[in-house]
Protein backbone atom coordinates (compact mmCIF):
# COMPACT_ATOMS: atom_id res chain seq x y z
CA MET A 1 7.55 5.72 5.32
CA ALA A 2 9.62 2.62 4.72
CA LYS A 3 13.39 2.70 4.39
CA THR A 4 14.66 2.65 0.82
CA SER A 5 16.56 -0.56 1.46
CA MET A 6 13.36 -2.33 2.55
CA ILE A 7 11.50 -1.20 -0.59
CA VAL A 8 14.33 -2.35 -2.87
CA ARG A 9 14.47 -5.68 -1.07
CA ALA A 10 10.71 -6.16 -1.42
CA ASN A 11 10.86 -5.44 -5.16
CA ARG A 12 13.35 -8.25 -5.74
CA GLU A 13 12.08 -11.67 -6.73
CA PRO A 14 12.02 -13.77 -3.52
CA LYS A 15 13.79 -17.10 -3.34
CA TYR A 16 10.52 -18.71 -2.24
CA SER A 17 7.05 -17.40 -3.08
CA THR A 18 5.97 -17.40 0.58
CA ARG A 19 8.58 -14.75 1.37
CA ALA A 20 6.87 -12.16 -0.82
CA LYS A 21 5.56 -9.17 1.16
CA ASN A 22 2.88 -6.76 0.00
CA ARG A 23 3.87 -3.10 0.18
CA CYS A 24 2.12 0.18 -0.53
CA LYS A 25 2.82 1.47 -4.04
CA LEU A 26 3.25 5.05 -2.84
CA CYS A 27 5.14 4.95 0.45
CA GLY A 28 6.33 1.34 0.78
CA ARG A 29 4.56 0.64 4.07
CA SER A 30 4.03 -3.08 4.71
CA ARG A 31 1.42 -2.94 7.46
CA ALA A 32 -2.29 -2.13 7.02
CA TYR A 33 -2.08 -3.00 3.30
CA MET A 34 -5.29 -3.10 1.21
CA ARG A 35 -4.95 -5.57 -1.65
CA HIS A 36 -7.80 -4.18 -3.74
CA PHE A 37 -6.10 -0.77 -4.00
CA ALA A 38 -2.45 -1.81 -3.42
CA LEU A 39 -2.16 0.98 -0.84
CA CYS A 40 -1.66 1.26 2.89
CA ARG A 41 -4.42 2.73 5.05
CA ILE A 42 -2.71 6.12 5.31
CA CYS A 43 -2.24 6.63 1.57
CA PHE A 44 -5.72 5.22 0.93
CA ARG A 45 -7.28 7.79 3.22
CA GLN A 46 -5.32 10.69 1.73
CA LEU A 47 -6.30 9.77 -1.83
CA ALA A 48 -9.92 9.06 -0.89
CA LEU A 49 -10.33 12.45 0.79
CA LYS A 50 -8.89 14.16 -2.29
CA GLY A 51 -11.36 12.23 -4.48
CA GLN A 52 -8.65 10.48 -6.47
CA LEU A 53 -9.96 6.95 -5.91
CA PRO A 54 -12.92 6.19 -8.16
CA GLY A 55 -15.89 4.61 -6.41
CA VAL A 56 -14.75 5.56 -2.91
CA LYS A 57 -16.58 8.13 -0.85
CA LYS A 58 -16.59 9.08 2.81
CA SER A 59 -19.13 7.20 4.88
CA SER A 60 -21.40 8.73 7.47
CA TRP A 61 -24.10 7.20 9.63
């Protein structure tokens, strides 16, 4: 879970476009971010196991 100050700072428009940082929409985590879903790996896994992400299912081999 990211600090509230970091989430607020990330939501602001950056002075330069290269300073923009992707963050998870649910928890605000910046690492292990998946662009296609706009989620971090932890939130992605939780939602996928609940079946709340369409087109995603658990793999097994």
